[in-house]
């Protein structure tokens, strides 16, 4: 009995280890690259030129959430209204991935994130788009808070299988790039595991 329990535990560990492996191929037919920034084992970002990867945080992975950031421009020290110090860039990209046990829950989560963005920002455009075979709803907007160091941005919300995806680009007032074009280019560089 002890031996069969050990074999079952070992088989379970092997199965779990297999879940954590890097994907070998993307849904778009590309071979998975070790050079891509992998988020949650689901999204691989072939970071576009001019954008720098800053952080890949899976500390919430126990809850099925993954977070990564990229920046454009040089860092500048910034202290917010609460007295917290941070590094501020000309523009910053935030990718949030949340996994659920059903696609319906992922759809609900993505819709909730989009509703929050509609409430929080002064949205000037909402459109549906497809980037690298993945459908998104994209919002462009201005930040209507004087306490926020960013002035404008664009966000994309989508669902891949049972994962909700949010990608947000926040830009400072002096940033000359087009938020929609930069976000679209970033999304075109995202690959999804099969």
N, C-alpha and C. Protein backbone atom coordinates (compact mmCIF):
# COMPACT_ATOMS: atom_id res chain seq x y z
N UNK A 1 0.82 -1.19 0.00
CA UNK A 1 0.00 0.00 0.00
C UNK A 1 0.86 1.26 0.00
N UNK A 2 1.94 1.24 0.85
CA UNK A 2 2.82 2.40 0.91
C UNK A 2 3.50 2.64 -0.43
N UNK A 3 3.88 1.57 -1.11
CA UNK A 3 4.56 1.71 -2.39
C UNK A 3 3.62 2.32 -3.42
N UNK A 4 2.36 1.88 -3.48
CA UNK A 4 1.43 2.41 -4.46
C UNK A 4 1.09 3.88 -4.15
N UNK A 5 1.05 4.27 -2.87
CA UNK A 5 0.81 5.66 -2.51
C UNK A 5 1.98 6.51 -2.97
N UNK A 6 3.22 6.02 -2.78
CA UNK A 6 4.40 6.73 -3.23
C UNK A 6 4.38 6.91 -4.74
N UNK A 7 4.01 5.86 -5.48
CA UNK A 7 3.95 5.94 -6.95
C UNK A 7 2.91 6.97 -7.38
N UNK A 8 1.76 7.01 -6.70
CA UNK A 8 0.73 8.00 -7.02
C UNK A 8 1.21 9.42 -6.74
N UNK A 9 1.88 9.63 -5.60
CA UNK A 9 2.42 10.95 -5.28
C UNK A 9 3.48 11.37 -6.29
N UNK A 10 4.36 10.45 -6.66
CA UNK A 10 5.39 10.74 -7.64
C UNK A 10 4.78 11.10 -8.98
N UNK A 11 3.77 10.34 -9.40
CA UNK A 11 3.10 10.63 -10.67
C UNK A 11 2.44 12.00 -10.62
N UNK A 12 1.85 12.36 -9.48
CA UNK A 12 1.25 13.68 -9.33
C UNK A 12 2.27 14.79 -9.43
N UNK A 13 3.44 14.58 -8.81
CA UNK A 13 4.50 15.58 -8.89
C UNK A 13 5.00 15.75 -10.32
N UNK A 14 5.15 14.65 -11.04
CA UNK A 14 5.59 14.71 -12.43
C UNK A 14 4.58 15.48 -13.27
N UNK A 15 3.28 15.21 -13.04
CA UNK A 15 2.24 15.94 -13.78
C UNK A 15 2.28 17.42 -13.47
N UNK A 16 2.46 17.78 -12.19
CA UNK A 16 2.52 19.19 -11.82
C UNK A 16 3.76 19.84 -12.41
N UNK A 17 4.87 19.15 -12.41
CA UNK A 17 6.08 19.70 -13.00
C UNK A 17 5.88 19.95 -14.48
N UNK A 18 5.16 19.07 -15.15
CA UNK A 18 4.88 19.25 -16.57
C UNK A 18 4.07 20.49 -16.83
N UNK A 19 3.19 20.89 -15.90
CA UNK A 19 2.36 22.08 -16.07
C UNK A 19 3.19 23.35 -16.03
N UNK A 20 4.32 23.32 -15.33
CA UNK A 20 5.12 24.52 -15.15
C UNK A 20 6.16 24.70 -16.25
N UNK A 21 6.24 23.78 -17.18
CA UNK A 21 7.25 23.86 -18.21
C UNK A 21 6.95 24.98 -19.19
N UNK A 22 8.01 25.48 -19.81
CA UNK A 22 7.86 26.49 -20.84
C UNK A 22 7.18 25.86 -22.05
N UNK A 23 6.20 26.56 -22.64
CA UNK A 23 5.55 26.02 -23.84
C UNK A 23 6.57 25.80 -24.96
N UNK A 24 6.24 24.92 -25.89
CA UNK A 24 7.14 24.66 -27.02
C UNK A 24 6.67 25.35 -28.29
N UNK A 25 5.39 25.70 -28.36
CA UNK A 25 4.86 26.34 -29.57
C UNK A 25 3.78 27.34 -29.20
N UNK A 26 3.60 28.33 -30.08
CA UNK A 26 2.56 29.33 -29.88
C UNK A 26 1.38 29.03 -30.80
N UNK A 27 0.22 29.55 -30.43
CA UNK A 27 -1.00 29.34 -31.21
C UNK A 27 -0.88 29.90 -32.62
N UNK A 28 0.00 30.89 -32.82
CA UNK A 28 0.18 31.48 -34.15
C UNK A 28 1.13 30.67 -35.03
N UNK A 29 1.60 29.52 -34.53
CA UNK A 29 2.48 28.64 -35.30
C UNK A 29 3.96 28.86 -35.06
N UNK A 30 4.32 29.91 -34.31
CA UNK A 30 5.73 30.19 -34.03
C UNK A 30 6.25 29.21 -32.97
N UNK A 31 7.53 28.86 -33.10
CA UNK A 31 8.18 28.08 -32.05
C UNK A 31 8.37 29.01 -30.84
N UNK A 32 8.10 28.51 -29.64
CA UNK A 32 8.25 29.32 -28.44
C UNK A 32 9.72 29.68 -28.25
N UNK A 33 10.01 30.94 -28.04
CA UNK A 33 11.39 31.41 -27.93
C UNK A 33 11.77 31.67 -26.47
N UNK A 34 12.98 31.26 -26.11
CA UNK A 34 13.50 31.55 -24.77
C UNK A 34 13.74 33.05 -24.58
N UNK A 35 13.80 33.81 -25.69
CA UNK A 35 14.02 35.24 -25.62
C UNK A 35 12.75 36.01 -25.27
N UNK A 36 11.60 35.38 -25.40
CA UNK A 36 10.34 36.04 -25.06
C UNK A 36 10.19 36.14 -23.55
N UNK A 37 9.52 37.19 -23.11
CA UNK A 37 9.16 37.32 -21.70
C UNK A 37 7.88 36.52 -21.52
N UNK A 38 7.96 35.43 -20.76
CA UNK A 38 6.81 34.55 -20.57
C UNK A 38 6.04 34.96 -19.32
N UNK A 39 4.74 35.16 -19.48
CA UNK A 39 3.88 35.56 -18.38
C UNK A 39 2.90 34.42 -18.11
N UNK A 40 3.03 33.82 -16.94
CA UNK A 40 2.13 32.75 -16.52
C UNK A 40 2.17 31.50 -17.37
N UNK A 41 3.21 31.34 -18.18
CA UNK A 41 3.30 30.17 -19.06
C UNK A 41 2.28 30.21 -20.19
N UNK A 42 1.57 31.33 -20.34
CA UNK A 42 0.50 31.44 -21.32
C UNK A 42 0.83 32.45 -22.42
N UNK A 43 1.39 33.60 -22.04
CA UNK A 43 1.73 34.65 -23.00
C UNK A 43 3.24 34.78 -23.09
N UNK A 44 3.75 34.84 -24.30
CA UNK A 44 5.16 35.10 -24.54
C UNK A 44 5.27 36.40 -25.30
N UNK A 45 5.98 37.38 -24.74
CA UNK A 45 6.09 38.70 -25.36
C UNK A 45 7.47 38.85 -26.00
N UNK A 46 7.46 38.99 -27.31
CA UNK A 46 8.66 39.31 -28.08
C UNK A 46 8.78 40.83 -28.05
N UNK A 47 9.39 41.35 -27.00
CA UNK A 47 9.39 42.78 -26.71
C UNK A 47 9.82 43.61 -27.92
N UNK A 48 8.95 44.54 -28.36
CA UNK A 48 9.28 45.39 -29.51
C UNK A 48 10.48 46.30 -29.21
N UNK A 49 11.16 46.73 -30.27
CA UNK A 49 12.28 47.67 -30.13
C UNK A 49 11.81 48.95 -29.48
N UNK A 50 12.65 49.52 -28.62
CA UNK A 50 12.33 50.78 -27.95
C UNK A 50 11.56 50.60 -26.66
N UNK A 51 11.22 49.36 -26.33
CA UNK A 51 10.49 49.07 -25.09
C UNK A 51 11.38 48.15 -24.25
N UNK A 52 11.49 48.46 -22.97
CA UNK A 52 12.36 47.69 -22.07
C UNK A 52 11.53 46.94 -21.04
N UNK A 53 11.83 45.65 -20.90
CA UNK A 53 11.16 44.85 -19.87
C UNK A 53 11.67 45.27 -18.50
N UNK A 54 10.76 45.46 -17.55
CA UNK A 54 11.15 45.88 -16.21
C UNK A 54 10.93 44.81 -15.15
N UNK A 55 9.77 44.17 -15.18
CA UNK A 55 9.41 43.27 -14.07
C UNK A 55 8.49 42.17 -14.58
N UNK A 56 8.68 40.98 -14.03
CA UNK A 56 7.78 39.86 -14.29
C UNK A 56 7.47 39.26 -12.93
N UNK A 57 6.27 39.51 -12.44
CA UNK A 57 5.93 39.18 -11.07
C UNK A 57 4.84 38.11 -11.05
N UNK A 58 5.19 36.94 -10.54
CA UNK A 58 4.19 35.88 -10.42
C UNK A 58 3.89 35.58 -8.96
N UNK A 59 4.08 36.59 -8.09
CA UNK A 59 3.84 36.37 -6.66
C UNK A 59 2.37 36.08 -6.36
N UNK A 60 1.49 36.44 -7.27
CA UNK A 60 0.07 36.14 -7.10
C UNK A 60 -0.33 34.86 -7.82
N UNK A 61 0.65 34.10 -8.30
CA UNK A 61 0.36 32.92 -9.11
C UNK A 61 -0.47 31.89 -8.35
N UNK A 62 -0.36 31.87 -7.03
CA UNK A 62 -1.16 30.94 -6.24
C UNK A 62 -2.65 31.23 -6.45
N UNK A 63 -2.97 32.48 -6.80
CA UNK A 63 -4.35 32.87 -7.10
C UNK A 63 -4.62 32.90 -8.59
N UNK A 64 -3.65 32.43 -9.40
CA UNK A 64 -3.84 32.37 -10.84
C UNK A 64 -3.63 33.70 -11.54
N UNK A 65 -2.91 34.64 -10.90
CA UNK A 65 -2.69 35.95 -11.50
C UNK A 65 -1.20 36.17 -11.74
N UNK A 66 -0.90 36.83 -12.87
CA UNK A 66 0.48 37.10 -13.26
C UNK A 66 0.54 38.54 -13.75
N UNK A 67 1.69 39.19 -13.53
CA UNK A 67 1.83 40.61 -13.78
C UNK A 67 3.22 40.87 -14.34
N UNK A 68 3.30 41.70 -15.39
CA UNK A 68 4.60 42.07 -15.94
C UNK A 68 4.53 43.52 -16.41
N UNK A 69 5.69 44.20 -16.41
CA UNK A 69 5.74 45.59 -16.84
C UNK A 69 6.89 45.82 -17.81
N UNK A 70 6.69 46.82 -18.67
CA UNK A 70 7.70 47.30 -19.61
C UNK A 70 7.70 48.81 -19.55
N UNK A 71 8.78 49.43 -20.01
CA UNK A 71 8.85 50.89 -19.98
C UNK A 71 9.42 51.43 -21.28
N UNK A 72 9.15 52.73 -21.50
CA UNK A 72 9.71 53.48 -22.61
C UNK A 72 10.31 54.74 -22.02
N UNK A 73 11.57 55.02 -22.34
CA UNK A 73 12.24 56.21 -21.84
C UNK A 73 13.07 55.92 -20.60
N UNK A 74 13.71 56.97 -20.11
CA UNK A 74 14.58 56.86 -18.94
C UNK A 74 13.78 57.03 -17.65
N UNK A 75 14.22 56.37 -16.60
CA UNK A 75 13.55 56.46 -15.31
C UNK A 75 13.82 57.81 -14.66
N UNK A 76 12.80 58.31 -13.97
CA UNK A 76 12.91 59.55 -13.22
C UNK A 76 12.28 59.30 -11.85
N UNK A 77 12.93 59.76 -10.80
CA UNK A 77 12.38 59.58 -9.46
C UNK A 77 11.11 60.40 -9.32
N UNK A 78 10.13 59.80 -8.63
CA UNK A 78 8.83 60.44 -8.47
C UNK A 78 8.29 60.10 -7.07
N UNK A 79 7.71 61.08 -6.41
CA UNK A 79 7.06 60.86 -5.12
C UNK A 79 5.59 61.19 -5.28
N UNK A 80 4.73 60.21 -4.99
CA UNK A 80 3.28 60.43 -5.16
C UNK A 80 2.72 61.21 -3.98
N UNK A 81 1.41 61.49 -4.03
CA UNK A 81 0.78 62.32 -2.99
C UNK A 81 0.77 61.65 -1.62
N UNK A 82 1.00 60.31 -1.57
CA UNK A 82 1.09 59.60 -0.30
C UNK A 82 2.51 59.57 0.26
N UNK A 83 3.45 60.16 -0.50
CA UNK A 83 4.84 60.18 -0.07
C UNK A 83 5.63 58.95 -0.48
N UNK A 84 5.05 58.08 -1.31
CA UNK A 84 5.75 56.88 -1.77
C UNK A 84 6.64 57.22 -2.96
N UNK A 85 7.86 56.70 -2.93
CA UNK A 85 8.81 56.92 -4.03
C UNK A 85 8.65 55.84 -5.08
N UNK A 86 8.81 56.24 -6.33
CA UNK A 86 8.70 55.30 -7.45
C UNK A 86 9.56 55.80 -8.60
N UNK A 87 9.75 54.94 -9.57
CA UNK A 87 10.44 55.31 -10.80
C UNK A 87 9.37 55.57 -11.85
N UNK A 88 9.46 56.71 -12.51
CA UNK A 88 8.48 57.12 -13.50
C UNK A 88 9.16 57.17 -14.87
N UNK A 89 8.50 56.60 -15.87
CA UNK A 89 9.03 56.57 -17.23
C UNK A 89 8.14 57.42 -18.13
N UNK A 90 8.61 57.72 -19.34
CA UNK A 90 7.79 58.46 -20.30
C UNK A 90 6.50 57.70 -20.57
N UNK A 91 6.60 56.39 -20.64
CA UNK A 91 5.43 55.53 -20.82
C UNK A 91 5.72 54.19 -20.16
N UNK A 92 4.66 53.54 -19.72
CA UNK A 92 4.82 52.24 -19.07
C UNK A 92 3.69 51.33 -19.52
N UNK A 93 4.03 50.05 -19.73
CA UNK A 93 3.06 49.03 -20.12
C UNK A 93 2.91 48.05 -18.97
N UNK A 94 1.66 47.75 -18.64
CA UNK A 94 1.33 46.80 -17.57
C UNK A 94 0.51 45.67 -18.19
N UNK A 95 0.94 44.44 -18.02
CA UNK A 95 0.19 43.28 -18.50
C UNK A 95 -0.27 42.48 -17.29
N UNK A 96 -1.57 42.23 -17.22
CA UNK A 96 -2.15 41.43 -16.15
C UNK A 96 -2.85 40.24 -16.78
N UNK A 97 -2.54 39.05 -16.29
CA UNK A 97 -3.12 37.80 -16.78
C UNK A 97 -3.73 37.08 -15.58
N UNK A 98 -5.00 36.70 -15.70
CA UNK A 98 -5.68 36.00 -14.61
C UNK A 98 -6.32 34.74 -15.13
N UNK A 99 -5.97 33.59 -14.53
CA UNK A 99 -6.51 32.31 -14.95
C UNK A 99 -7.68 31.89 -14.08
N UNK A 100 -8.67 31.26 -14.71
CA UNK A 100 -9.87 30.80 -14.01
C UNK A 100 -10.16 29.36 -14.39
N UNK A 101 -11.08 28.73 -13.66
CA UNK A 101 -11.41 27.34 -13.95
C UNK A 101 -12.40 27.22 -15.11
N UNK A 102 -12.89 28.35 -15.62
CA UNK A 102 -13.83 28.32 -16.75
C UNK A 102 -13.67 29.59 -17.58
N UNK A 103 -13.86 29.46 -18.89
CA UNK A 103 -13.76 30.61 -19.79
C UNK A 103 -14.78 31.69 -19.43
N UNK A 104 -15.96 31.28 -18.97
CA UNK A 104 -17.01 32.25 -18.61
C UNK A 104 -16.52 33.19 -17.51
N UNK A 105 -15.80 32.66 -16.53
CA UNK A 105 -15.27 33.50 -15.45
C UNK A 105 -14.22 34.47 -15.98
N UNK A 106 -13.41 34.02 -16.93
CA UNK A 106 -12.41 34.90 -17.55
C UNK A 106 -13.10 36.04 -18.31
N UNK A 107 -14.17 35.71 -19.02
CA UNK A 107 -14.94 36.72 -19.75
C UNK A 107 -15.53 37.75 -18.79
N UNK A 108 -16.07 37.28 -17.67
CA UNK A 108 -16.65 38.18 -16.67
C UNK A 108 -15.58 39.10 -16.08
N UNK A 109 -14.40 38.54 -15.81
CA UNK A 109 -13.31 39.33 -15.24
C UNK A 109 -12.84 40.39 -16.22
N UNK A 110 -12.65 40.02 -17.49
CA UNK A 110 -12.21 40.99 -18.51
C UNK A 110 -13.25 42.10 -18.66
N UNK A 111 -14.52 41.75 -18.63
CA UNK A 111 -15.60 42.74 -18.75
C UNK A 111 -15.60 43.68 -17.53
N UNK A 112 -15.32 43.13 -16.36
CA UNK A 112 -15.26 43.94 -15.14
C UNK A 112 -14.09 44.92 -15.21
N UNK A 113 -12.92 44.45 -15.67
CA UNK A 113 -11.76 45.33 -15.81
C UNK A 113 -12.06 46.46 -16.79
N UNK A 114 -12.72 46.12 -17.89
CA UNK A 114 -13.05 47.13 -18.89
C UNK A 114 -14.02 48.16 -18.30
N UNK A 115 -15.02 47.70 -17.55
CA UNK A 115 -15.97 48.62 -16.91
C UNK A 115 -15.26 49.55 -15.93
N UNK A 116 -14.30 49.02 -15.19
CA UNK A 116 -13.52 49.84 -14.26
C UNK A 116 -12.74 50.92 -15.01
N UNK A 117 -12.15 50.56 -16.15
CA UNK A 117 -11.41 51.53 -16.96
C UNK A 117 -12.35 52.61 -17.49
N UNK A 118 -13.54 52.20 -17.92
CA UNK A 118 -14.52 53.18 -18.41
C UNK A 118 -14.91 54.17 -17.31
N UNK A 119 -14.97 53.69 -16.07
CA UNK A 119 -15.33 54.55 -14.95
C UNK A 119 -14.17 55.43 -14.50
N UNK A 120 -12.96 54.92 -14.60
CA UNK A 120 -11.78 55.61 -14.05
C UNK A 120 -11.19 56.65 -15.00
N UNK A 121 -11.30 56.44 -16.30
CA UNK A 121 -10.64 57.30 -17.28
C UNK A 121 -11.66 58.07 -18.12
N UNK A 122 -11.21 59.16 -18.73
CA UNK A 122 -12.03 59.91 -19.68
C UNK A 122 -11.82 59.27 -21.06
N UNK A 123 -12.62 58.24 -21.35
CA UNK A 123 -12.46 57.45 -22.58
C UNK A 123 -12.90 58.26 -23.79
N UNK A 124 -12.03 58.30 -24.81
CA UNK A 124 -12.39 59.01 -26.04
C UNK A 124 -12.62 58.07 -27.22
N UNK A 125 -12.22 56.81 -27.09
CA UNK A 125 -12.40 55.86 -28.18
C UNK A 125 -12.48 54.44 -27.64
N UNK A 126 -13.38 53.65 -28.18
CA UNK A 126 -13.49 52.23 -27.87
C UNK A 126 -13.62 51.49 -29.18
N UNK A 127 -12.80 50.47 -29.38
CA UNK A 127 -12.85 49.72 -30.64
C UNK A 127 -12.50 48.27 -30.41
N UNK A 128 -12.93 47.43 -31.33
CA UNK A 128 -12.57 46.01 -31.32
C UNK A 128 -11.46 45.80 -32.34
N UNK A 129 -10.48 45.01 -31.96
CA UNK A 129 -9.36 44.76 -32.87
C UNK A 129 -8.84 43.35 -32.64
N UNK A 130 -8.11 42.85 -33.62
CA UNK A 130 -7.45 41.55 -33.51
C UNK A 130 -5.96 41.76 -33.72
N UNK A 131 -5.16 41.31 -32.78
CA UNK A 131 -3.71 41.43 -32.85
C UNK A 131 -3.10 40.05 -32.70
N UNK A 132 -2.35 39.61 -33.68
CA UNK A 132 -1.74 38.30 -33.71
C UNK A 132 -2.78 37.21 -33.39
N UNK A 133 -3.92 37.29 -34.05
CA UNK A 133 -5.03 36.32 -33.97
C UNK A 133 -5.78 36.34 -32.64
N UNK A 134 -5.54 37.32 -31.79
CA UNK A 134 -6.22 37.43 -30.50
C UNK A 134 -7.13 38.66 -30.52
N UNK A 135 -8.40 38.47 -30.15
CA UNK A 135 -9.37 39.56 -30.13
C UNK A 135 -9.27 40.38 -28.85
N UNK A 136 -9.40 41.71 -29.01
CA UNK A 136 -9.36 42.63 -27.88
C UNK A 136 -10.38 43.74 -28.06
N UNK A 137 -10.84 44.28 -26.95
CA UNK A 137 -11.51 45.56 -26.94
C UNK A 137 -10.48 46.56 -26.45
N UNK A 138 -10.29 47.65 -27.20
CA UNK A 138 -9.26 48.64 -26.87
C UNK A 138 -9.92 49.97 -26.57
N UNK A 139 -9.48 50.60 -25.50
CA UNK A 139 -9.93 51.93 -25.12
C UNK A 139 -8.75 52.88 -25.19
N UNK A 140 -8.97 54.09 -25.69
CA UNK A 140 -7.98 55.17 -25.56
C UNK A 140 -8.62 56.22 -24.66
N UNK A 141 -7.80 56.94 -23.90
CA UNK A 141 -8.35 57.83 -22.89
C UNK A 141 -7.33 58.84 -22.39
N UNK A 142 -7.86 59.78 -21.62
CA UNK A 142 -7.04 60.72 -20.87
C UNK A 142 -7.26 60.42 -19.39
N UNK A 143 -6.24 60.68 -18.60
CA UNK A 143 -6.39 60.56 -17.15
C UNK A 143 -6.99 61.87 -16.65
N UNK A 144 -8.06 61.78 -15.89
CA UNK A 144 -8.72 63.00 -15.44
C UNK A 144 -8.38 63.36 -14.00
N UNK A 145 -7.32 62.80 -13.48
CA UNK A 145 -6.88 63.10 -12.12
C UNK A 145 -5.57 63.88 -12.17
N UNK A 146 -5.54 65.01 -11.48
CA UNK A 146 -4.31 65.80 -11.45
C UNK A 146 -3.24 65.14 -10.59
N UNK A 147 -3.66 64.21 -9.72
CA UNK A 147 -2.71 63.50 -8.86
C UNK A 147 -1.95 62.42 -9.63
N UNK A 148 -2.46 62.03 -10.79
CA UNK A 148 -1.83 60.98 -11.59
C UNK A 148 -0.72 61.59 -12.43
N UNK A 149 0.49 61.02 -12.40
CA UNK A 149 1.59 61.57 -13.20
C UNK A 149 1.45 61.29 -14.70
N UNK A 150 0.52 60.41 -15.07
CA UNK A 150 0.30 60.11 -16.48
C UNK A 150 -0.87 60.92 -17.00
N UNK A 151 -0.83 61.24 -18.30
CA UNK A 151 -1.84 62.11 -18.89
C UNK A 151 -2.78 61.39 -19.86
N UNK A 152 -2.28 60.35 -20.51
CA UNK A 152 -3.09 59.67 -21.53
C UNK A 152 -2.68 58.20 -21.58
N UNK A 153 -3.51 57.41 -22.28
CA UNK A 153 -3.17 56.01 -22.36
C UNK A 153 -4.11 55.23 -23.24
N UNK A 154 -3.88 53.93 -23.28
CA UNK A 154 -4.72 52.99 -24.02
C UNK A 154 -4.67 51.66 -23.28
N UNK A 155 -5.79 50.95 -23.28
CA UNK A 155 -5.87 49.65 -22.63
C UNK A 155 -6.56 48.65 -23.54
N UNK A 156 -6.14 47.39 -23.44
CA UNK A 156 -6.75 46.30 -24.21
C UNK A 156 -7.24 45.24 -23.24
N UNK A 157 -8.42 44.70 -23.53
CA UNK A 157 -9.02 43.66 -22.69
C UNK A 157 -9.43 42.50 -23.58
N UNK A 158 -9.04 41.30 -23.19
CA UNK A 158 -9.38 40.13 -23.98
C UNK A 158 -9.41 38.87 -23.14
N UNK A 159 -9.77 37.78 -23.79
CA UNK A 159 -9.84 36.48 -23.14
C UNK A 159 -9.17 35.47 -24.05
N UNK A 160 -8.25 34.70 -23.50
CA UNK A 160 -7.62 33.59 -24.21
C UNK A 160 -7.90 32.33 -23.41
N UNK A 161 -8.66 31.41 -24.01
CA UNK A 161 -9.12 30.21 -23.32
C UNK A 161 -9.79 30.59 -22.01
N UNK A 162 -9.22 30.21 -20.87
CA UNK A 162 -9.82 30.55 -19.58
C UNK A 162 -8.98 31.60 -18.84
N UNK A 163 -8.34 32.50 -19.60
CA UNK A 163 -7.51 33.56 -19.03
C UNK A 163 -8.03 34.93 -19.46
N UNK A 164 -8.18 35.82 -18.50
CA UNK A 164 -8.50 37.22 -18.78
C UNK A 164 -7.19 37.97 -18.95
N UNK A 165 -7.15 38.86 -19.94
CA UNK A 165 -5.93 39.61 -20.25
C UNK A 165 -6.27 41.10 -20.21
N UNK A 166 -5.40 41.87 -19.55
CA UNK A 166 -5.48 43.32 -19.57
C UNK A 166 -4.08 43.85 -19.85
N UNK A 167 -3.97 44.71 -20.86
CA UNK A 167 -2.70 45.35 -21.17
C UNK A 167 -2.95 46.85 -21.20
N UNK A 168 -2.24 47.58 -20.35
CA UNK A 168 -2.45 49.03 -20.23
C UNK A 168 -1.16 49.77 -20.54
N UNK A 169 -1.28 50.81 -21.37
CA UNK A 169 -0.16 51.70 -21.67
C UNK A 169 -0.49 53.07 -21.10
N UNK A 170 0.34 53.55 -20.18
CA UNK A 170 0.15 54.87 -19.57
C UNK A 170 1.29 55.77 -20.01
N UNK A 171 0.95 57.00 -20.46
CA UNK A 171 1.94 57.92 -21.03
C UNK A 171 1.92 59.26 -20.30
N UNK A 172 3.09 59.84 -20.12
CA UNK A 172 3.19 61.17 -19.53
C UNK A 172 2.80 62.23 -20.56
N UNK A 173 2.56 63.42 -20.08
CA UNK A 173 2.11 64.53 -20.93
C UNK A 173 3.09 64.81 -22.07
N UNK A 174 4.39 64.75 -21.78
CA UNK A 174 5.40 65.09 -22.79
C UNK A 174 5.73 63.95 -23.74
N UNK A 175 5.09 62.79 -23.58
CA UNK A 175 5.36 61.64 -24.44
C UNK A 175 4.77 61.90 -25.82
N UNK A 176 5.58 61.75 -26.87
CA UNK A 176 5.14 62.11 -28.23
C UNK A 176 4.59 60.93 -29.03
N UNK A 177 4.74 59.71 -28.52
CA UNK A 177 4.24 58.55 -29.24
C UNK A 177 2.72 58.46 -29.20
N UNK A 178 2.15 57.72 -30.14
CA UNK A 178 0.72 57.50 -30.21
C UNK A 178 0.37 56.27 -29.37
N UNK A 179 -0.39 56.44 -28.28
CA UNK A 179 -0.68 55.30 -27.40
C UNK A 179 -1.34 54.13 -28.11
N UNK A 180 -2.29 54.38 -28.99
CA UNK A 180 -2.98 53.30 -29.69
C UNK A 180 -2.02 52.52 -30.59
N UNK A 181 -1.16 53.22 -31.31
CA UNK A 181 -0.19 52.55 -32.19
C UNK A 181 0.81 51.72 -31.39
N UNK A 182 1.29 52.26 -30.29
CA UNK A 182 2.28 51.54 -29.47
C UNK A 182 1.64 50.31 -28.83
N UNK A 183 0.43 50.47 -28.29
CA UNK A 183 -0.25 49.33 -27.67
C UNK A 183 -0.53 48.25 -28.72
N UNK A 184 -0.99 48.66 -29.89
CA UNK A 184 -1.28 47.69 -30.96
C UNK A 184 -0.01 46.94 -31.36
N UNK A 185 1.10 47.64 -31.49
CA UNK A 185 2.36 46.99 -31.84
C UNK A 185 2.78 46.01 -30.76
N UNK A 186 2.63 46.39 -29.50
CA UNK A 186 2.95 45.49 -28.38
C UNK A 186 2.09 44.23 -28.45
N UNK A 187 0.79 44.39 -28.68
CA UNK A 187 -0.12 43.24 -28.76
C UNK A 187 0.21 42.33 -29.94
N UNK A 188 0.70 42.90 -31.03
CA UNK A 188 1.11 42.10 -32.18
C UNK A 188 2.34 41.24 -31.84
N UNK A 189 3.10 41.64 -30.83
CA UNK A 189 4.29 40.91 -30.40
C UNK A 189 3.99 39.90 -29.28
N UNK A 190 2.71 39.74 -28.94
CA UNK A 190 2.31 38.75 -27.92
C UNK A 190 1.95 37.45 -28.58
N UNK A 191 2.44 36.35 -28.02
CA UNK A 191 2.18 35.00 -28.51
C UNK A 191 1.49 34.22 -27.38
N UNK A 192 0.65 33.27 -27.75
CA UNK A 192 -0.16 32.54 -26.77
C UNK A 192 0.13 31.05 -26.87
N UNK A 193 0.35 30.42 -25.73
CA UNK A 193 0.71 29.00 -25.74
C UNK A 193 -0.47 28.16 -26.22
N UNK A 194 -0.13 27.02 -26.84
CA UNK A 194 -1.19 26.12 -27.31
C UNK A 194 -1.42 25.01 -26.29
